[in-house]
Amino acid sequence: ALNLPVTNVDNAQVGGTTANVISAGLAIGMMPGVYAVQLQISNSLPTNPLTQLYIAQNVFTSNIVTIPVVASTNPAATSAARPADQKQRGRGASLPRR
């Protein structure tokens, strides 16, 4: 018999916001009933080591689990915080010659 899911994952909530379900299905090589779920979470979530996550499939809802989330940073904002007159030292940095 094939080990195929009857219903797809309908909803996933991470930190109180809806996550985009990229893929969900029975995990290969695992016992029947073990799912592998790939989610895309909102980049607006704040850093929280105890972010709550649950998924829903048809009328069934998973247990709530916690996952660590680290907020994304804007690369332009971090480079703008460094004064322009400071030069970076190290590999690839141009050093004055004697």
N, C-alpha and C. Protein backbone atom coordinates (compact mmCIF):
# COMPACT_ATOMS: atom_id res chain seq x y z
N ALA A 1 0.85 -1.19 0.00
CA ALA A 1 0.00 0.00 0.00
C ALA A 1 0.88 1.23 0.00
N LEU A 2 0.42 2.24 -0.69
CA LEU A 2 1.17 3.50 -0.75
C LEU A 2 0.95 4.29 0.53
N ASN A 3 1.98 4.95 0.97
CA ASN A 3 1.92 5.77 2.17
C ASN A 3 1.75 7.23 1.76
N LEU A 4 0.60 7.59 1.22
CA LEU A 4 0.34 8.93 0.72
C LEU A 4 -0.61 9.67 1.65
N PRO A 5 -0.40 11.00 1.81
CA PRO A 5 -1.32 11.76 2.66
C PRO A 5 -2.68 11.87 2.01
N VAL A 6 -3.72 11.83 2.82
CA VAL A 6 -5.08 11.96 2.31
C VAL A 6 -5.41 13.42 2.04
N THR A 7 -4.97 14.30 2.91
CA THR A 7 -5.23 15.73 2.80
C THR A 7 -3.94 16.51 2.98
N ASN A 8 -3.80 17.60 2.25
CA ASN A 8 -2.61 18.44 2.39
C ASN A 8 -2.69 19.29 3.66
N VAL A 9 -1.55 19.85 4.05
CA VAL A 9 -1.52 20.79 5.17
C VAL A 9 -2.22 22.06 4.72
N ASP A 10 -3.24 22.46 5.47
CA ASP A 10 -4.06 23.61 5.10
C ASP A 10 -3.48 24.93 5.58
N ASN A 11 -2.91 24.92 6.78
CA ASN A 11 -2.54 26.17 7.42
C ASN A 11 -1.35 25.94 8.33
N ALA A 12 -0.51 26.94 8.44
CA ALA A 12 0.60 26.91 9.39
C ALA A 12 0.70 28.29 10.02
N GLN A 13 0.80 28.32 11.33
CA GLN A 13 0.92 29.58 12.06
C GLN A 13 2.26 29.61 12.77
N VAL A 14 3.01 30.68 12.57
CA VAL A 14 4.29 30.87 13.24
C VAL A 14 4.27 32.25 13.88
N GLY A 15 4.37 32.29 15.19
CA GLY A 15 4.37 33.56 15.90
C GLY A 15 3.10 34.35 15.69
N GLY A 16 1.98 33.69 15.48
CA GLY A 16 0.70 34.36 15.30
C GLY A 16 0.44 34.85 13.89
N THR A 17 1.35 34.58 12.95
CA THR A 17 1.14 34.96 11.56
C THR A 17 1.10 33.71 10.68
N THR A 18 0.42 33.81 9.58
CA THR A 18 0.30 32.67 8.66
C THR A 18 1.61 32.49 7.91
N ALA A 19 2.09 31.26 7.87
CA ALA A 19 3.30 30.92 7.12
C ALA A 19 2.90 30.30 5.79
N ASN A 20 3.74 30.48 4.78
CA ASN A 20 3.51 29.90 3.47
C ASN A 20 4.00 28.45 3.48
N VAL A 21 3.11 27.50 3.20
CA VAL A 21 3.50 26.09 3.17
C VAL A 21 4.10 25.81 1.80
N ILE A 22 5.41 25.56 1.78
CA ILE A 22 6.11 25.29 0.53
C ILE A 22 5.89 23.85 0.11
N SER A 23 6.06 22.93 1.05
CA SER A 23 5.78 21.53 0.76
C SER A 23 5.45 20.82 2.07
N ALA A 24 4.66 19.79 1.95
CA ALA A 24 4.30 18.97 3.11
C ALA A 24 3.95 17.59 2.60
N GLY A 25 4.47 16.60 3.26
CA GLY A 25 4.19 15.23 2.86
C GLY A 25 4.82 14.26 3.83
N LEU A 26 4.47 13.04 3.67
CA LEU A 26 5.03 12.01 4.54
C LEU A 26 6.53 11.91 4.32
N ALA A 27 7.27 11.87 5.40
CA ALA A 27 8.74 11.85 5.34
C ALA A 27 9.21 10.50 4.81
N ILE A 28 10.14 10.56 3.88
CA ILE A 28 10.69 9.35 3.26
C ILE A 28 11.57 8.63 4.27
N GLY A 29 11.38 7.33 4.39
CA GLY A 29 12.20 6.53 5.27
C GLY A 29 11.76 6.54 6.72
N MET A 30 10.69 7.25 7.02
CA MET A 30 10.20 7.32 8.40
C MET A 30 8.97 6.43 8.54
N MET A 31 8.54 6.25 9.76
CA MET A 31 7.33 5.46 10.02
C MET A 31 6.12 6.18 9.43
N PRO A 32 5.07 5.44 9.07
CA PRO A 32 3.86 6.09 8.55
C PRO A 32 3.31 7.11 9.55
N GLY A 33 2.92 8.27 9.03
CA GLY A 33 2.35 9.31 9.87
C GLY A 33 3.32 10.40 10.25
N VAL A 34 4.61 10.25 9.89
CA VAL A 34 5.60 11.29 10.18
C VAL A 34 5.71 12.19 8.95
N TYR A 35 5.40 13.48 9.13
CA TYR A 35 5.40 14.43 8.03
C TYR A 35 6.67 15.28 8.03
N ALA A 36 7.09 15.68 6.85
CA ALA A 36 8.13 16.70 6.67
C ALA A 36 7.42 17.91 6.09
N VAL A 37 7.55 19.05 6.76
CA VAL A 37 6.86 20.27 6.33
C VAL A 37 7.89 21.37 6.15
N GLN A 38 7.89 22.02 4.99
CA GLN A 38 8.76 23.16 4.74
C GLN A 38 7.91 24.41 4.69
N LEU A 39 8.29 25.41 5.50
CA LEU A 39 7.52 26.64 5.62
C LEU A 39 8.37 27.85 5.26
N GLN A 40 7.71 28.87 4.73
CA GLN A 40 8.35 30.16 4.54
C GLN A 40 7.66 31.11 5.51
N ILE A 41 8.44 31.64 6.45
CA ILE A 41 7.84 32.50 7.47
C ILE A 41 8.04 33.96 7.10
N SER A 42 7.21 34.81 7.68
CA SER A 42 7.25 36.24 7.41
C SER A 42 8.56 36.84 7.90
N ASN A 43 9.16 37.73 7.10
CA ASN A 43 10.39 38.38 7.53
C ASN A 43 10.12 39.51 8.52
N SER A 44 8.86 39.74 8.85
CA SER A 44 8.53 40.77 9.84
C SER A 44 8.49 40.23 11.27
N LEU A 45 8.70 38.92 11.43
CA LEU A 45 8.70 38.35 12.78
C LEU A 45 9.90 38.85 13.57
N PRO A 46 9.71 39.21 14.84
CA PRO A 46 10.84 39.66 15.65
C PRO A 46 11.67 38.47 16.15
N THR A 47 12.86 38.75 16.61
CA THR A 47 13.70 37.72 17.21
C THR A 47 13.02 37.21 18.47
N ASN A 48 12.87 35.91 18.55
CA ASN A 48 12.24 35.28 19.71
C ASN A 48 12.70 33.83 19.76
N PRO A 49 13.40 33.43 20.81
CA PRO A 49 13.86 32.04 20.89
C PRO A 49 12.73 31.05 21.19
N LEU A 50 11.55 31.55 21.54
CA LEU A 50 10.41 30.68 21.87
C LEU A 50 9.18 31.00 21.02
N THR A 51 9.37 31.15 19.72
CA THR A 51 8.26 31.43 18.81
C THR A 51 7.39 30.19 18.66
N GLN A 52 6.08 30.36 18.81
CA GLN A 52 5.17 29.21 18.74
C GLN A 52 4.80 28.89 17.29
N LEU A 53 4.70 27.58 17.01
CA LEU A 53 4.39 27.08 15.68
C LEU A 53 3.39 25.95 15.79
N TYR A 54 2.38 25.96 14.91
CA TYR A 54 1.51 24.79 14.77
C TYR A 54 1.05 24.71 13.33
N ILE A 55 0.66 23.51 12.91
CA ILE A 55 0.13 23.31 11.56
C ILE A 55 -1.24 22.67 11.67
N ALA A 56 -2.05 22.86 10.64
CA ALA A 56 -3.40 22.30 10.59
C ALA A 56 -3.58 21.52 9.30
N GLN A 57 -4.24 20.38 9.44
CA GLN A 57 -4.53 19.53 8.29
C GLN A 57 -5.97 19.08 8.41
N ASN A 58 -6.81 19.57 7.50
CA ASN A 58 -8.24 19.28 7.54
C ASN A 58 -8.81 19.78 8.87
N VAL A 59 -9.35 18.94 9.71
CA VAL A 59 -9.89 19.37 11.01
C VAL A 59 -8.91 19.10 12.14
N PHE A 60 -7.70 18.62 11.82
CA PHE A 60 -6.72 18.27 12.83
C PHE A 60 -5.68 19.37 12.97
N THR A 61 -5.31 19.67 14.22
CA THR A 61 -4.28 20.67 14.51
C THR A 61 -3.17 20.01 15.29
N SER A 62 -1.93 20.33 14.94
CA SER A 62 -0.79 19.74 15.63
C SER A 62 -0.65 20.32 17.03
N ASN A 63 0.22 19.71 17.80
CA ASN A 63 0.62 20.30 19.07
C ASN A 63 1.37 21.59 18.78
N ILE A 64 1.36 22.51 19.72
CA ILE A 64 2.14 23.74 19.57
C ILE A 64 3.57 23.43 19.98
N VAL A 65 4.51 23.79 19.12
CA VAL A 65 5.93 23.63 19.42
C VAL A 65 6.58 25.01 19.38
N THR A 66 7.77 25.13 19.96
CA THR A 66 8.48 26.40 19.90
C THR A 66 9.74 26.23 19.07
N ILE A 67 10.03 27.26 18.28
CA ILE A 67 11.23 27.28 17.44
C ILE A 67 11.92 28.63 17.64
N PRO A 68 13.24 28.68 17.48
CA PRO A 68 13.92 29.98 17.57
C PRO A 68 13.79 30.73 16.24
N VAL A 69 13.47 32.00 16.32
CA VAL A 69 13.40 32.86 15.13
C VAL A 69 14.34 34.03 15.35
N VAL A 70 15.17 34.32 14.36
CA VAL A 70 16.06 35.47 14.40
C VAL A 70 15.61 36.43 13.31
N ALA A 71 15.31 37.67 13.71
CA ALA A 71 14.81 38.67 12.76
C ALA A 71 15.86 38.95 11.70
N SER A 72 15.38 39.14 10.48
CA SER A 72 16.30 39.47 9.39
C SER A 72 16.77 40.92 9.55
N THR A 73 17.98 41.19 9.06
CA THR A 73 18.51 42.55 9.11
C THR A 73 18.68 43.06 7.70
N ASN A 74 18.53 44.34 7.55
CA ASN A 74 18.68 44.98 6.25
C ASN A 74 20.17 45.30 6.05
N PRO A 75 20.84 44.72 5.04
CA PRO A 75 22.27 44.97 4.84
C PRO A 75 22.58 46.45 4.63
N ALA A 76 21.69 47.18 3.98
CA ALA A 76 21.93 48.61 3.75
C ALA A 76 21.93 49.38 5.06
N ALA A 77 21.10 48.97 6.00
CA ALA A 77 21.04 49.67 7.29
C ALA A 77 22.30 49.44 8.09
N THR A 78 22.87 48.25 8.04
CA THR A 78 24.08 47.98 8.82
C THR A 78 25.29 48.68 8.21
N SER A 79 25.37 48.78 6.88
CA SER A 79 26.51 49.48 6.27
C SER A 79 26.36 50.98 6.42
N ALA A 80 25.13 51.48 6.49
CA ALA A 80 24.92 52.91 6.67
C ALA A 80 25.27 53.35 8.08
N ALA A 81 25.24 52.42 9.02
CA ALA A 81 25.57 52.76 10.40
C ALA A 81 27.07 52.99 10.58
N ARG A 82 27.89 52.48 9.68
CA ARG A 82 29.34 52.64 9.76
C ARG A 82 29.72 53.92 9.02
N PRO A 83 30.48 54.80 9.64
CA PRO A 83 30.88 56.04 8.95
C PRO A 83 31.64 55.73 7.66
N ALA A 84 31.41 56.53 6.65
CA ALA A 84 32.01 56.30 5.33
C ALA A 84 33.51 56.51 5.34
N ASP A 85 34.03 57.35 6.26
CA ASP A 85 35.46 57.63 6.24
C ASP A 85 36.28 56.51 6.89
N GLN A 86 35.64 55.56 7.58
CA GLN A 86 36.39 54.43 8.14
C GLN A 86 36.59 53.39 7.05
N LYS A 87 37.83 52.97 6.88
CA LYS A 87 38.11 51.96 5.85
C LYS A 87 38.20 50.61 6.51
N GLN A 88 37.73 49.62 5.80
CA GLN A 88 37.76 48.27 6.30
C GLN A 88 39.17 47.72 6.16
N ARG A 89 39.66 47.06 7.20
CA ARG A 89 40.99 46.46 7.19
C ARG A 89 40.86 44.96 7.10
N GLY A 90 41.85 44.30 6.58
CA GLY A 90 41.84 42.85 6.50
C GLY A 90 41.91 42.39 5.06
N ARG A 91 41.46 41.18 4.82
CA ARG A 91 41.51 40.64 3.47
C ARG A 91 40.73 41.50 2.51
N GLY A 92 41.30 41.77 1.40
CA GLY A 92 40.62 42.51 0.36
C GLY A 92 40.66 44.02 0.58
N ALA A 93 41.07 44.49 1.74
CA ALA A 93 41.14 45.92 1.98
C ALA A 93 42.45 46.45 1.41
N SER A 94 42.37 47.63 0.80
CA SER A 94 43.59 48.20 0.23
C SER A 94 44.34 48.94 1.33
N LEU A 95 45.58 48.58 1.51
CA LEU A 95 46.42 49.18 2.54
C LEU A 95 47.43 50.11 1.86
N PRO A 96 47.81 51.21 2.55
CA PRO A 96 48.81 52.12 1.95
C PRO A 96 50.16 51.41 1.84
N ARG A 97 50.87 51.69 0.76
CA ARG A 97 52.19 51.10 0.53
C ARG A 97 53.26 52.05 1.06
N ARG A 98 54.38 51.49 1.49
CA ARG A 98 55.49 52.31 2.01
C ARG A 98 56.51 52.55 0.96
